[in-house]
């Protein structure tokens, strides 16, 4: 996913801006793996194979997203990543 496209995205929950944590890029500097974070509601959205997974909460399949994030925690030495806010 191109950086200029990522900058146009917002949180589907509260429509706030997202912060990008890049994990891998390709030769053209497109983001292949990363995490988008909403600083307002603390939701996190993974970017997998260049595609941001940004469904609203009721349609998210956390059981499919979490194994990817767990792999990234080991591979990229990430601190505990919670996809949805506590509570």
C-alpha atoms as a PDB file:
ATOM      1  CA  UNK A   1       0.000   0.000   0.000  1.00  0.00           C
ATOM      2  CA  UNK A   2       1.340   3.414  -0.907  1.00  0.00           C
ATOM      3  CA  UNK A   3       2.072   5.881   1.884  1.00  0.00           C
ATOM      4  CA  UNK A   4      -0.012   8.607   0.238  1.00  0.00           C
ATOM      5  CA  UNK A   5      -3.032   6.267   0.312  1.00  0.00           C
ATOM      6  CA  UNK A   6      -2.475   5.361   3.958  1.00  0.00           C
ATOM      7  CA  UNK A   7      -2.471   9.056   4.869  1.00  0.00           C
ATOM      8  CA  UNK A   8      -6.057   9.327   3.575  1.00  0.00           C
ATOM      9  CA  UNK A   9      -7.404   6.571   5.855  1.00  0.00           C
ATOM     10  CA  UNK A  10      -9.216   7.141   9.132  1.00  0.00           C
ATOM     11  CA  UNK A  11     -10.476   4.915  11.925  1.00  0.00           C
ATOM     12  CA  UNK A  12     -13.769   3.260  10.898  1.00  0.00           C
ATOM     13  CA  UNK A  13     -14.963   3.455  14.529  1.00  0.00           C
ATOM     14  CA  UNK A  14     -14.543   7.161  15.309  1.00  0.00           C
ATOM     15  CA  UNK A  15     -13.217   8.660  12.040  1.00  0.00           C
ATOM     16  CA  UNK A  16     -10.008   9.921  13.681  1.00  0.00           C
ATOM     17  CA  UNK A  17      -6.531   9.979  12.148  1.00  0.00           C
ATOM     18  CA  UNK A  18      -4.345   6.880  12.283  1.00  0.00           C
ATOM     19  CA  UNK A  19      -0.681   6.459  13.158  1.00  0.00           C
ATOM     20  CA  UNK A  20       1.354   4.070  11.011  1.00  0.00           C
ATOM     21  CA  UNK A  21       3.983   1.647  12.290  1.00  0.00           C
ATOM     22  CA  UNK A  22       5.788   0.212   9.269  1.00  0.00           C
ATOM     23  CA  UNK A  23       7.150  -3.312   9.645  1.00  0.00           C
ATOM     24  CA  UNK A  24       8.192  -4.048   6.038  1.00  0.00           C
ATOM     25  CA  UNK A  25       8.265  -2.172   2.734  1.00  0.00           C
ATOM     26  CA  UNK A  26       8.918  -3.291  -0.816  1.00  0.00           C
ATOM     27  CA  UNK A  27      11.521  -1.798  -3.174  1.00  0.00           C
ATOM     28  CA  UNK A  28       9.093   0.973  -4.213  1.00  0.00           C
ATOM     29  CA  UNK A  29       8.604   1.942  -0.534  1.00  0.00           C
ATOM     30  CA  UNK A  30       5.046   0.596  -0.425  1.00  0.00           C
ATOM     31  CA  UNK A  31       4.018  -0.732   2.987  1.00  0.00           C
ATOM     32  CA  UNK A  32       3.703  -4.537   2.922  1.00  0.00           C
ATOM     33  CA  UNK A  33       3.266  -5.155   6.651  1.00  0.00           C
ATOM     34  CA  UNK A  34       2.395  -2.671   9.348  1.00  0.00           C
ATOM     35  CA  UNK A  35      -0.032  -1.567  12.006  1.00  0.00           C
ATOM     36  CA  UNK A  36      -2.388   1.407  11.862  1.00  0.00           C
ATOM     37  CA  UNK A  37      -3.349   2.751  15.293  1.00  0.00           C
ATOM     38  CA  UNK A  38      -6.112   5.143  16.271  1.00  0.00           C
ATOM     39  CA  UNK A  39      -4.750   7.290  19.096  1.00  0.00           C
ATOM     40  CA  UNK A  40      -8.271   8.263  20.173  1.00  0.00           C
ATOM     41  CA  UNK A  41      -9.922   4.839  20.649  1.00  0.00           C
ATOM     42  CA  UNK A  42      -6.749   2.639  20.755  1.00  0.00           C
ATOM     43  CA  UNK A  43      -7.953   0.270  18.016  1.00  0.00           C
ATOM     44  CA  UNK A  44      -5.232  -1.268  15.864  1.00  0.00           C
ATOM     45  CA  UNK A  45      -5.582  -2.380  12.256  1.00  0.00           C
ATOM     46  CA  UNK A  46      -2.939  -4.653  10.687  1.00  0.00           C
ATOM     47  CA  UNK A  47      -1.687  -4.181   7.139  1.00  0.00           C
ATOM     48  CA  UNK A  48      -1.187  -7.633   5.620  1.00  0.00           C
ATOM     49  CA  UNK A  49       0.348  -8.097   2.159  1.00  0.00           C
ATOM     50  CA  UNK A  50      -0.220  -4.381   1.543  1.00  0.00           C
ATOM     51  CA  UNK A  51      -3.913  -4.473   2.480  1.00  0.00           C
ATOM     52  CA  UNK A  52      -5.188  -2.735   5.629  1.00  0.00           C
ATOM     53  CA  UNK A  53      -7.693  -4.864   7.566  1.00  0.00           C
ATOM     54  CA  UNK A  54     -10.093  -2.125   8.694  1.00  0.00           C
ATOM     55  CA  UNK A  55     -13.542  -3.613   9.179  1.00  0.00           C
ATOM     56  CA  UNK A  56     -15.834  -2.180  11.879  1.00  0.00           C
ATOM     57  CA  UNK A  57     -15.735  -4.070  15.193  1.00  0.00           C
ATOM     58  CA  UNK A  58     -18.832  -6.170  14.526  1.00  0.00           C
ATOM     59  CA  UNK A  59     -17.301  -7.517  11.298  1.00  0.00           C
ATOM     60  CA  UNK A  60     -13.702  -7.985  12.452  1.00  0.00           C
ATOM     61  CA  UNK A  61     -12.425 -11.520  12.758  1.00  0.00           C
ATOM     62  CA  UNK A  62      -9.942 -11.081  15.568  1.00  0.00           C
ATOM     63  CA  UNK A  63      -9.273 -14.836  15.655  1.00  0.00           C
ATOM     64  CA  UNK A  64      -7.805 -14.474  12.131  1.00  0.00           C
ATOM     65  CA  UNK A  65      -5.949 -11.204  12.772  1.00  0.00           C
ATOM     66  CA  UNK A  66      -4.382 -12.129  16.120  1.00  0.00           C
ATOM     67  CA  UNK A  67      -2.101 -14.954  14.829  1.00  0.00           C
ATOM     68  CA  UNK A  68      -0.564 -12.525  12.335  1.00  0.00           C
ATOM     69  CA  UNK A  69       0.087 -10.006  15.088  1.00  0.00           C
ATOM     70  CA  UNK A  70       1.531 -12.734  17.343  1.00  0.00           C
ATOM     71  CA  UNK A  71       3.950 -13.696  14.567  1.00  0.00           C
ATOM     72  CA  UNK A  72       4.949 -10.048  14.156  1.00  0.00           C
ATOM     73  CA  UNK A  73       5.558  -9.738  17.911  1.00  0.00           C
ATOM     74  CA  UNK A  74       8.195 -12.448  17.642  1.00  0.00           C
ATOM     75  CA  UNK A  75       9.585 -11.406  14.267  1.00  0.00           C
ATOM     76  CA  UNK A  76       9.798  -7.638  14.897  1.00  0.00           C
ATOM     77  CA  UNK A  77      10.149  -7.646  18.700  1.00  0.00           C
ATOM     78  CA  UNK A  78       6.876  -5.764  19.218  1.00  0.00           C
ATOM     79  CA  UNK A  79       5.439  -5.020  22.623  1.00  0.00           C
ATOM     80  CA  UNK A  80       2.032  -6.547  23.393  1.00  0.00           C
ATOM     81  CA  UNK A  81      -0.361  -5.492  20.610  1.00  0.00           C
ATOM     82  CA  UNK A  82      -4.065  -5.434  21.469  1.00  0.00           C
ATOM     83  CA  UNK A  83      -6.269  -5.035  18.390  1.00  0.00           C
ATOM     84  CA  UNK A  84      -9.341  -3.833  20.298  1.00  0.00           C
ATOM     85  CA  UNK A  85      -9.427  -1.553  23.352  1.00  0.00           C
ATOM     86  CA  UNK A  86      -9.926  -3.055  26.800  1.00  0.00           C
ATOM     87  CA  UNK A  87     -13.444  -3.135  28.154  1.00  0.00           C
END
